mmCIF file of all heavy atoms, coordinates in Angstrom:
data_MODEL
# 
_entry.id   MODEL 
# 
loop_
_atom_site.group_PDB 
_atom_site.id 
_atom_site.type_symbol 
_atom_site.label_atom_id 
_atom_site.label_alt_id 
_atom_site.label_comp_id 
_atom_site.label_asym_id 
_atom_site.label_entity_id 
_atom_site.label_seq_id 
_atom_site.pdbx_PDB_ins_code 
_atom_site.Cartn_x 
_atom_site.Cartn_y 
_atom_site.Cartn_z 
_atom_site.occupancy 
_atom_site.B_iso_or_equiv 
_atom_site.pdbx_formal_charge 
_atom_site.auth_seq_id 
_atom_site.auth_comp_id 
_atom_site.auth_asym_id 
_atom_site.auth_atom_id 
_atom_site.pdbx_PDB_model_num 
ATOM 1   N N   . PRO A 1 1  ? -2.830 1.143   -12.102 1.00 0.00 ? 1  PRO A N   1 
ATOM 2   C CA  . PRO A 1 1  ? -2.421 1.089   -10.706 1.00 0.00 ? 1  PRO A CA  1 
ATOM 3   C C   . PRO A 1 1  ? -3.599 1.153   -9.754  1.00 0.00 ? 1  PRO A C   1 
ATOM 4   O O   . PRO A 1 1  ? -4.673 1.644   -10.095 1.00 0.00 ? 1  PRO A O   1 
ATOM 5   C CB  . PRO A 1 1  ? -1.532 2.321   -10.550 1.00 0.00 ? 1  PRO A CB  1 
ATOM 6   C CG  . PRO A 1 1  ? -2.057 3.279   -11.557 1.00 0.00 ? 1  PRO A CG  1 
ATOM 7   C CD  . PRO A 1 1  ? -2.494 2.456   -12.730 1.00 0.00 ? 1  PRO A CD  1 
ATOM 8   N N   . ILE A 1 2  ? -3.381 0.667   -8.522  1.00 0.00 ? 2  ILE A N   1 
ATOM 9   C CA  . ILE A 1 2  ? -4.481 0.569   -7.570  1.00 0.00 ? 2  ILE A CA  1 
ATOM 10  C C   . ILE A 1 2  ? -4.719 1.847   -6.790  1.00 0.00 ? 2  ILE A C   1 
ATOM 11  O O   . ILE A 1 2  ? -5.765 1.986   -6.160  1.00 0.00 ? 2  ILE A O   1 
ATOM 12  C CB  . ILE A 1 2  ? -4.227 -0.609  -6.604  1.00 0.00 ? 2  ILE A CB  1 
ATOM 13  C CG1 . ILE A 1 2  ? -2.877 -0.451  -5.888  1.00 0.00 ? 2  ILE A CG1 1 
ATOM 14  C CG2 . ILE A 1 2  ? -4.317 -1.936  -7.337  1.00 0.00 ? 2  ILE A CG2 1 
ATOM 15  C CD1 . ILE A 1 2  ? -2.635 -1.510  -4.832  1.00 0.00 ? 2  ILE A CD1 1 
ATOM 16  N N   . ILE A 1 3  ? -3.778 2.796   -6.814  1.00 0.00 ? 3  ILE A N   1 
ATOM 17  C CA  . ILE A 1 3  ? -3.946 4.096   -6.147  1.00 0.00 ? 3  ILE A CA  1 
ATOM 18  C C   . ILE A 1 3  ? -3.844 5.174   -7.221  1.00 0.00 ? 3  ILE A C   1 
ATOM 19  O O   . ILE A 1 3  ? -2.882 5.211   -7.993  1.00 0.00 ? 3  ILE A O   1 
ATOM 20  C CB  . ILE A 1 3  ? -2.859 4.327   -5.087  1.00 0.00 ? 3  ILE A CB  1 
ATOM 21  C CG1 . ILE A 1 3  ? -2.779 3.144   -4.114  1.00 0.00 ? 3  ILE A CG1 1 
ATOM 22  C CG2 . ILE A 1 3  ? -3.110 5.651   -4.363  1.00 0.00 ? 3  ILE A CG2 1 
ATOM 23  C CD1 . ILE A 1 3  ? -4.034 2.882   -3.328  1.00 0.00 ? 3  ILE A CD1 1 
ATOM 24  N N   . GLN A 1 4  ? -4.858 6.059   -7.266  1.00 0.00 ? 4  GLN A N   1 
ATOM 25  C CA  . GLN A 1 4  ? -4.846 7.123   -8.273  1.00 0.00 ? 4  GLN A CA  1 
ATOM 26  C C   . GLN A 1 4  ? -4.978 8.514   -7.665  1.00 0.00 ? 4  GLN A C   1 
ATOM 27  O O   . GLN A 1 4  ? -4.848 9.518   -8.373  1.00 0.00 ? 4  GLN A O   1 
ATOM 28  C CB  . GLN A 1 4  ? -5.987 6.923   -9.279  1.00 0.00 ? 4  GLN A CB  1 
ATOM 29  C CG  . GLN A 1 4  ? -6.094 5.530   -9.859  1.00 0.00 ? 4  GLN A CG  1 
ATOM 30  C CD  . GLN A 1 4  ? -6.991 4.644   -9.010  1.00 0.00 ? 4  GLN A CD  1 
ATOM 31  O OE1 . GLN A 1 4  ? -8.012 5.075   -8.497  1.00 0.00 ? 4  GLN A OE1 1 
ATOM 32  N NE2 . GLN A 1 4  ? -6.613 3.378   -8.874  1.00 0.00 ? 4  GLN A NE2 1 
ATOM 33  N N   . THR A 1 5  ? -5.261 8.624   -6.370  1.00 0.00 ? 5  THR A N   1 
ATOM 34  C CA  . THR A 1 5  ? -5.421 9.923   -5.726  1.00 0.00 ? 5  THR A CA  1 
ATOM 35  C C   . THR A 1 5  ? -4.089 10.612  -5.483  1.00 0.00 ? 5  THR A C   1 
ATOM 36  O O   . THR A 1 5  ? -4.036 11.830  -5.316  1.00 0.00 ? 5  THR A O   1 
ATOM 37  C CB  . THR A 1 5  ? -6.168 9.781   -4.393  1.00 0.00 ? 5  THR A CB  1 
ATOM 38  O OG1 . THR A 1 5  ? -5.556 8.734   -3.624  1.00 0.00 ? 5  THR A OG1 1 
ATOM 39  C CG2 . THR A 1 5  ? -7.636 9.444   -4.628  1.00 0.00 ? 5  THR A CG2 1 
ATOM 40  N N   . HIS A 1 6  ? -3.007 9.813   -5.409  1.00 0.00 ? 6  HIS A N   1 
ATOM 41  C CA  . HIS A 1 6  ? -1.641 10.349  -5.235  1.00 0.00 ? 6  HIS A CA  1 
ATOM 42  C C   . HIS A 1 6  ? -0.704 9.466   -6.039  1.00 0.00 ? 6  HIS A C   1 
ATOM 43  O O   . HIS A 1 6  ? -1.002 8.300   -6.323  1.00 0.00 ? 6  HIS A O   1 
ATOM 44  C CB  . HIS A 1 6  ? -1.239 10.328  -3.759  1.00 0.00 ? 6  HIS A CB  1 
ATOM 45  C CG  . HIS A 1 6  ? -2.101 11.166  -2.869  1.00 0.00 ? 6  HIS A CG  1 
ATOM 46  N ND1 . HIS A 1 6  ? -1.901 12.523  -2.682  1.00 0.00 ? 6  HIS A ND1 1 
ATOM 47  C CD2 . HIS A 1 6  ? -3.195 10.847  -2.126  1.00 0.00 ? 6  HIS A CD2 1 
ATOM 48  C CE1 . HIS A 1 6  ? -2.824 12.987  -1.855  1.00 0.00 ? 6  HIS A CE1 1 
ATOM 49  N NE2 . HIS A 1 6  ? -3.620 12.004  -1.510  1.00 0.00 ? 6  HIS A NE2 1 
ATOM 50  N N   . PHE A 1 7  ? 0.438  10.007  -6.389  1.00 0.00 ? 7  PHE A N   1 
ATOM 51  C CA  . PHE A 1 7  ? 1.492  9.206   -6.983  1.00 0.00 ? 7  PHE A CA  1 
ATOM 52  C C   . PHE A 1 7  ? 2.195  8.442   -5.867  1.00 0.00 ? 7  PHE A C   1 
ATOM 53  O O   . PHE A 1 7  ? 2.648  9.035   -4.887  1.00 0.00 ? 7  PHE A O   1 
ATOM 54  C CB  . PHE A 1 7  ? 2.479  10.062  -7.771  1.00 0.00 ? 7  PHE A CB  1 
ATOM 55  C CG  . PHE A 1 7  ? 1.890  10.663  -9.014  1.00 0.00 ? 7  PHE A CG  1 
ATOM 56  C CD1 . PHE A 1 7  ? 1.626  12.022  -9.086  1.00 0.00 ? 7  PHE A CD1 1 
ATOM 57  C CD2 . PHE A 1 7  ? 1.610  9.869   -10.113 1.00 0.00 ? 7  PHE A CD2 1 
ATOM 58  C CE1 . PHE A 1 7  ? 1.095  12.580  -10.228 1.00 0.00 ? 7  PHE A CE1 1 
ATOM 59  C CE2 . PHE A 1 7  ? 1.066  10.418  -11.271 1.00 0.00 ? 7  PHE A CE2 1 
ATOM 60  C CZ  . PHE A 1 7  ? 0.816  11.772  -11.331 1.00 0.00 ? 7  PHE A CZ  1 
ATOM 61  N N   . THR A 1 8  ? 2.304  7.128   -6.039  1.00 0.00 ? 8  THR A N   1 
ATOM 62  C CA  . THR A 1 8  ? 2.877  6.268   -5.001  1.00 0.00 ? 8  THR A CA  1 
ATOM 63  C C   . THR A 1 8  ? 3.918  5.340   -5.602  1.00 0.00 ? 8  THR A C   1 
ATOM 64  O O   . THR A 1 8  ? 3.853  4.992   -6.787  1.00 0.00 ? 8  THR A O   1 
ATOM 65  C CB  . THR A 1 8  ? 1.791  5.439   -4.314  1.00 0.00 ? 8  THR A CB  1 
ATOM 66  O OG1 . THR A 1 8  ? 1.059  4.697   -5.311  1.00 0.00 ? 8  THR A OG1 1 
ATOM 67  C CG2 . THR A 1 8  ? 0.835  6.311   -3.524  1.00 0.00 ? 8  THR A CG2 1 
ATOM 68  N N   . ALA A 1 9  ? 4.870  4.923   -4.784  1.00 0.00 ? 9  ALA A N   1 
ATOM 69  C CA  . ALA A 1 9  ? 5.925  4.023   -5.262  1.00 0.00 ? 9  ALA A CA  1 
ATOM 70  C C   . ALA A 1 9  ? 6.402  3.157   -4.110  1.00 0.00 ? 9  ALA A C   1 
ATOM 71  O O   . ALA A 1 9  ? 5.945  3.296   -2.975  1.00 0.00 ? 9  ALA A O   1 
ATOM 72  C CB  . ALA A 1 9  ? 7.086  4.845   -5.846  1.00 0.00 ? 9  ALA A CB  1 
ATOM 73  N N   . ASP A 1 10 ? 7.334  2.240   -4.410  1.00 0.00 ? 10 ASP A N   1 
ATOM 74  C CA  . ASP A 1 10 ? 8.032  1.449   -3.410  1.00 0.00 ? 10 ASP A CA  1 
ATOM 75  C C   . ASP A 1 10 ? 7.077  0.765   -2.439  1.00 0.00 ? 10 ASP A C   1 
ATOM 76  O O   . ASP A 1 10 ? 7.147  0.949   -1.221  1.00 0.00 ? 10 ASP A O   1 
ATOM 77  C CB  . ASP A 1 10 ? 9.017  2.336   -2.638  1.00 0.00 ? 10 ASP A CB  1 
ATOM 78  C CG  . ASP A 1 10 ? 9.968  3.089   -3.544  1.00 0.00 ? 10 ASP A CG  1 
ATOM 79  O OD1 . ASP A 1 10 ? 10.406 2.492   -4.545  1.00 0.00 ? 10 ASP A OD1 1 
ATOM 80  O OD2 . ASP A 1 10 ? 10.265 4.266   -3.254  1.00 0.00 ? 10 ASP A OD2 1 
ATOM 81  N N   . PRO A 1 11 ? 6.151  -0.081  -2.940  1.00 0.00 ? 11 PRO A N   1 
ATOM 82  C CA  . PRO A 1 11 ? 5.130  -0.679  -2.077  1.00 0.00 ? 11 PRO A CA  1 
ATOM 83  C C   . PRO A 1 11 ? 5.715  -1.619  -1.046  1.00 0.00 ? 11 PRO A C   1 
ATOM 84  O O   . PRO A 1 11 ? 6.590  -2.441  -1.346  1.00 0.00 ? 11 PRO A O   1 
ATOM 85  C CB  . PRO A 1 11 ? 4.250  -1.423  -3.075  1.00 0.00 ? 11 PRO A CB  1 
ATOM 86  C CG  . PRO A 1 11 ? 5.174  -1.742  -4.220  1.00 0.00 ? 11 PRO A CG  1 
ATOM 87  C CD  . PRO A 1 11 ? 6.080  -0.565  -4.322  1.00 0.00 ? 11 PRO A CD  1 
ATOM 88  N N   . ALA A 1 12 ? 5.221  -1.520  0.183   1.00 0.00 ? 12 ALA A N   1 
ATOM 89  C CA  . ALA A 1 12 ? 5.666  -2.377  1.278   1.00 0.00 ? 12 ALA A CA  1 
ATOM 90  C C   . ALA A 1 12 ? 4.443  -2.929  1.997   1.00 0.00 ? 12 ALA A C   1 
ATOM 91  O O   . ALA A 1 12 ? 3.974  -2.349  2.980   1.00 0.00 ? 12 ALA A O   1 
ATOM 92  C CB  . ALA A 1 12 ? 6.562  -1.591  2.241   1.00 0.00 ? 12 ALA A CB  1 
ATOM 93  N N   . PRO A 1 13 ? 3.883  -4.044  1.513   1.00 0.00 ? 13 PRO A N   1 
ATOM 94  C CA  . PRO A 1 13 ? 2.672  -4.587  2.137   1.00 0.00 ? 13 PRO A CA  1 
ATOM 95  C C   . PRO A 1 13 ? 2.972  -5.330  3.435   1.00 0.00 ? 13 PRO A C   1 
ATOM 96  O O   . PRO A 1 13 ? 4.014  -5.970  3.588   1.00 0.00 ? 13 PRO A O   1 
ATOM 97  C CB  . PRO A 1 13 ? 2.147  -5.543  1.065   1.00 0.00 ? 13 PRO A CB  1 
ATOM 98  C CG  . PRO A 1 13 ? 3.378  -5.980  0.322   1.00 0.00 ? 13 PRO A CG  1 
ATOM 99  C CD  . PRO A 1 13 ? 4.284  -4.790  0.321   1.00 0.00 ? 13 PRO A CD  1 
ATOM 100 N N   . LEU A 1 14 ? 2.049  -5.221  4.375   1.00 0.00 ? 14 LEU A N   1 
ATOM 101 C CA  . LEU A 1 14 ? 2.105  -5.928  5.644   1.00 0.00 ? 14 LEU A CA  1 
ATOM 102 C C   . LEU A 1 14 ? 0.739  -6.533  5.919   1.00 0.00 ? 14 LEU A C   1 
ATOM 103 O O   . LEU A 1 14 ? -0.276 -5.834  5.877   1.00 0.00 ? 14 LEU A O   1 
ATOM 104 C CB  . LEU A 1 14 ? 2.475  -4.971  6.785   1.00 0.00 ? 14 LEU A CB  1 
ATOM 105 C CG  . LEU A 1 14 ? 2.289  -5.474  8.224   1.00 0.00 ? 14 LEU A CG  1 
ATOM 106 C CD1 . LEU A 1 14 ? 3.328  -6.547  8.543   1.00 0.00 ? 14 LEU A CD1 1 
ATOM 107 C CD2 . LEU A 1 14 ? 2.360  -4.336  9.224   1.00 0.00 ? 14 LEU A CD2 1 
ATOM 108 N N   . VAL A 1 15 ? 0.691  -7.831  6.224   1.00 0.00 ? 15 VAL A N   1 
ATOM 109 C CA  . VAL A 1 15 ? -0.561 -8.476  6.599   1.00 0.00 ? 15 VAL A CA  1 
ATOM 110 C C   . VAL A 1 15 ? -0.647 -8.518  8.119   1.00 0.00 ? 15 VAL A C   1 
ATOM 111 O O   . VAL A 1 15 ? 0.254  -9.040  8.794   1.00 0.00 ? 15 VAL A O   1 
ATOM 112 C CB  . VAL A 1 15 ? -0.646 -9.903  6.032   1.00 0.00 ? 15 VAL A CB  1 
ATOM 113 C CG1 . VAL A 1 15 ? -1.932 -10.585 6.493   1.00 0.00 ? 15 VAL A CG1 1 
ATOM 114 C CG2 . VAL A 1 15 ? -0.579 -9.865  4.511   1.00 0.00 ? 15 VAL A CG2 1 
ATOM 115 N N   . HIS A 1 16 ? -1.724 -7.944  8.666   1.00 0.00 ? 16 HIS A N   1 
ATOM 116 C CA  . HIS A 1 16 ? -1.886 -7.924  10.121  1.00 0.00 ? 16 HIS A CA  1 
ATOM 117 C C   . HIS A 1 16 ? -3.367 -7.974  10.461  1.00 0.00 ? 16 HIS A C   1 
ATOM 118 O O   . HIS A 1 16 ? -4.161 -7.178  9.958   1.00 0.00 ? 16 HIS A O   1 
ATOM 119 C CB  . HIS A 1 16 ? -1.273 -6.646  10.708  1.00 0.00 ? 16 HIS A CB  1 
ATOM 120 C CG  . HIS A 1 16 ? -1.433 -6.545  12.196  1.00 0.00 ? 16 HIS A CG  1 
ATOM 121 N ND1 . HIS A 1 16 ? -0.741 -7.348  13.074  1.00 0.00 ? 16 HIS A ND1 1 
ATOM 122 C CD2 . HIS A 1 16 ? -2.240 -5.755  12.961  1.00 0.00 ? 16 HIS A CD2 1 
ATOM 123 C CE1 . HIS A 1 16 ? -1.080 -7.041  14.308  1.00 0.00 ? 16 HIS A CE1 1 
ATOM 124 N NE2 . HIS A 1 16 ? -1.993 -6.089  14.264  1.00 0.00 ? 16 HIS A NE2 1 
ATOM 125 N N   . ASP A 1 17 ? -3.736 -8.942  11.282  1.00 0.00 ? 17 ASP A N   1 
ATOM 126 C CA  . ASP A 1 17 ? -5.124 -9.109  11.742  1.00 0.00 ? 17 ASP A CA  1 
ATOM 127 C C   . ASP A 1 17 ? -6.115 -9.123  10.584  1.00 0.00 ? 17 ASP A C   1 
ATOM 128 O O   . ASP A 1 17 ? -7.185 -8.503  10.637  1.00 0.00 ? 17 ASP A O   1 
ATOM 129 C CB  . ASP A 1 17 ? -5.491 -8.003  12.738  1.00 0.00 ? 17 ASP A CB  1 
ATOM 130 C CG  . ASP A 1 17 ? -4.896 -8.238  14.129  1.00 0.00 ? 17 ASP A CG  1 
ATOM 131 O OD1 . ASP A 1 17 ? -4.389 -9.338  14.367  1.00 0.00 ? 17 ASP A OD1 1 
ATOM 132 O OD2 . ASP A 1 17 ? -4.945 -7.309  14.951  1.00 0.00 ? 17 ASP A OD2 1 
ATOM 133 N N   . GLY A 1 18 ? -5.769 -9.836  9.511   1.00 0.00 ? 18 GLY A N   1 
ATOM 134 C CA  . GLY A 1 18 ? -6.676 -10.017 8.389   1.00 0.00 ? 18 GLY A CA  1 
ATOM 135 C C   . GLY A 1 18 ? -6.780 -8.858  7.428   1.00 0.00 ? 18 GLY A C   1 
ATOM 136 O O   . GLY A 1 18 ? -7.631 -8.878  6.541   1.00 0.00 ? 18 GLY A O   1 
ATOM 137 N N   . VAL A 1 19 ? -5.923 -7.851  7.586   1.00 0.00 ? 19 VAL A N   1 
ATOM 138 C CA  . VAL A 1 19 ? -5.930 -6.664  6.735   1.00 0.00 ? 19 VAL A CA  1 
ATOM 139 C C   . VAL A 1 19 ? -4.576 -6.554  6.031   1.00 0.00 ? 19 VAL A C   1 
ATOM 140 O O   . VAL A 1 19 ? -3.521 -6.820  6.632   1.00 0.00 ? 19 VAL A O   1 
ATOM 141 C CB  . VAL A 1 19 ? -6.196 -5.390  7.559   1.00 0.00 ? 19 VAL A CB  1 
ATOM 142 C CG1 . VAL A 1 19 ? -6.139 -4.143  6.675   1.00 0.00 ? 19 VAL A CG1 1 
ATOM 143 C CG2 . VAL A 1 19 ? -7.534 -5.485  8.276   1.00 0.00 ? 19 VAL A CG2 1 
ATOM 144 N N   . VAL A 1 20 ? -4.597 -6.151  4.757   1.00 0.00 ? 20 VAL A N   1 
ATOM 145 C CA  . VAL A 1 20 ? -3.355 -5.790  4.074   1.00 0.00 ? 20 VAL A CA  1 
ATOM 146 C C   . VAL A 1 20 ? -3.129 -4.300  4.248   1.00 0.00 ? 20 VAL A C   1 
ATOM 147 O O   . VAL A 1 20 ? -3.942 -3.478  3.800   1.00 0.00 ? 20 VAL A O   1 
ATOM 148 C CB  . VAL A 1 20 ? -3.426 -6.129  2.562   1.00 0.00 ? 20 VAL A CB  1 
ATOM 149 C CG1 . VAL A 1 20 ? -2.131 -5.682  1.873   1.00 0.00 ? 20 VAL A CG1 1 
ATOM 150 C CG2 . VAL A 1 20 ? -3.633 -7.631  2.365   1.00 0.00 ? 20 VAL A CG2 1 
ATOM 151 N N   . TYR A 1 21 ? -2.057 -3.963  4.919   1.00 0.00 ? 21 TYR A N   1 
ATOM 152 C CA  . TYR A 1 21 ? -1.624 -2.581  5.090   1.00 0.00 ? 21 TYR A CA  1 
ATOM 153 C C   . TYR A 1 21 ? -0.507 -2.323  4.064   1.00 0.00 ? 21 TYR A C   1 
ATOM 154 O O   . TYR A 1 21 ? 0.513  -2.991  4.086   1.00 0.00 ? 21 TYR A O   1 
ATOM 155 C CB  . TYR A 1 21 ? -1.130 -2.310  6.505   1.00 0.00 ? 21 TYR A CB  1 
ATOM 156 C CG  . TYR A 1 21 ? -2.225 -2.382  7.533   1.00 0.00 ? 21 TYR A CG  1 
ATOM 157 C CD1 . TYR A 1 21 ? -2.464 -3.547  8.258   1.00 0.00 ? 21 TYR A CD1 1 
ATOM 158 C CD2 . TYR A 1 21 ? -3.034 -1.275  7.775   1.00 0.00 ? 21 TYR A CD2 1 
ATOM 159 C CE1 . TYR A 1 21 ? -3.477 -3.611  9.206   1.00 0.00 ? 21 TYR A CE1 1 
ATOM 160 C CE2 . TYR A 1 21 ? -4.058 -1.331  8.726   1.00 0.00 ? 21 TYR A CE2 1 
ATOM 161 C CZ  . TYR A 1 21 ? -4.263 -2.488  9.433   1.00 0.00 ? 21 TYR A CZ  1 
ATOM 162 O OH  . TYR A 1 21 ? -5.286 -2.548  10.364  1.00 0.00 ? 21 TYR A OH  1 
ATOM 163 N N   . LEU A 1 22 ? -0.753 -1.365  3.192   1.00 0.00 ? 22 LEU A N   1 
ATOM 164 C CA  . LEU A 1 22 ? 0.181  -1.090  2.111   1.00 0.00 ? 22 LEU A CA  1 
ATOM 165 C C   . LEU A 1 22 ? 0.865  0.260   2.374   1.00 0.00 ? 22 LEU A C   1 
ATOM 166 O O   . LEU A 1 22 ? 0.251  1.323   2.211   1.00 0.00 ? 22 LEU A O   1 
ATOM 167 C CB  . LEU A 1 22 ? -0.544 -1.060  0.774   1.00 0.00 ? 22 LEU A CB  1 
ATOM 168 C CG  . LEU A 1 22 ? 0.280  -0.675  -0.449  1.00 0.00 ? 22 LEU A CG  1 
ATOM 169 C CD1 . LEU A 1 22 ? 1.403  -1.684  -0.690  1.00 0.00 ? 22 LEU A CD1 1 
ATOM 170 C CD2 . LEU A 1 22 ? -0.611 -0.550  -1.674  1.00 0.00 ? 22 LEU A CD2 1 
ATOM 171 N N   . TYR A 1 23 ? 2.124  0.199   2.790   1.00 0.00 ? 23 TYR A N   1 
ATOM 172 C CA  . TYR A 1 23 ? 2.918  1.407   3.001   1.00 0.00 ? 23 TYR A CA  1 
ATOM 173 C C   . TYR A 1 23 ? 3.602  1.755   1.689   1.00 0.00 ? 23 TYR A C   1 
ATOM 174 O O   . TYR A 1 23 ? 4.097  0.865   0.971   1.00 0.00 ? 23 TYR A O   1 
ATOM 175 C CB  . TYR A 1 23 ? 3.950  1.193   4.092   1.00 0.00 ? 23 TYR A CB  1 
ATOM 176 C CG  . TYR A 1 23 ? 3.323  0.834   5.430   1.00 0.00 ? 23 TYR A CG  1 
ATOM 177 C CD1 . TYR A 1 23 ? 3.035  -0.492  5.754   1.00 0.00 ? 23 TYR A CD1 1 
ATOM 178 C CD2 . TYR A 1 23 ? 3.006  1.815   6.350   1.00 0.00 ? 23 TYR A CD2 1 
ATOM 179 C CE1 . TYR A 1 23 ? 2.443  -0.827  6.959   1.00 0.00 ? 23 TYR A CE1 1 
ATOM 180 C CE2 . TYR A 1 23 ? 2.418  1.485   7.578   1.00 0.00 ? 23 TYR A CE2 1 
ATOM 181 C CZ  . TYR A 1 23 ? 2.131  0.177   7.864   1.00 0.00 ? 23 TYR A CZ  1 
ATOM 182 O OH  . TYR A 1 23 ? 1.549  -0.154  9.067   1.00 0.00 ? 23 TYR A OH  1 
ATOM 183 N N   . THR A 1 24 ? 3.643  3.045   1.367   1.00 0.00 ? 24 THR A N   1 
ATOM 184 C CA  . THR A 1 24 ? 4.270  3.473   0.114   1.00 0.00 ? 24 THR A CA  1 
ATOM 185 C C   . THR A 1 24 ? 5.101  4.726   0.347   1.00 0.00 ? 24 THR A C   1 
ATOM 186 O O   . THR A 1 24 ? 4.835  5.501   1.269   1.00 0.00 ? 24 THR A O   1 
ATOM 187 C CB  . THR A 1 24 ? 3.222  3.805   -0.967  1.00 0.00 ? 24 THR A CB  1 
ATOM 188 O OG1 . THR A 1 24 ? 2.581  5.038   -0.656  1.00 0.00 ? 24 THR A OG1 1 
ATOM 189 C CG2 . THR A 1 24 ? 2.182  2.709   -1.106  1.00 0.00 ? 24 THR A CG2 1 
ATOM 190 N N   . SER A 1 25 ? 6.057  4.918   -0.521  1.00 0.00 ? 25 SER A N   1 
ATOM 191 C CA  . SER A 1 25 ? 6.645  6.246   -0.645  1.00 0.00 ? 25 SER A CA  1 
ATOM 192 C C   . SER A 1 25 ? 5.705  7.082   -1.504  1.00 0.00 ? 25 SER A C   1 
ATOM 193 O O   . SER A 1 25 ? 4.707  6.588   -2.027  1.00 0.00 ? 25 SER A O   1 
ATOM 194 C CB  . SER A 1 25 ? 8.053  6.181   -1.246  1.00 0.00 ? 25 SER A CB  1 
ATOM 195 O OG  . SER A 1 25 ? 8.016  5.555   -2.521  1.00 0.00 ? 25 SER A OG  1 
# 
C-alpha cells in the first residue's frame, strides 16, 4: 500500500490544480 504511517481505507481521489488529493477513512 501507498500509505504506511496510518491504516487507511475507502480511497476518494480528487484531481485539482495538478495535484492528486487522496481522501481516506
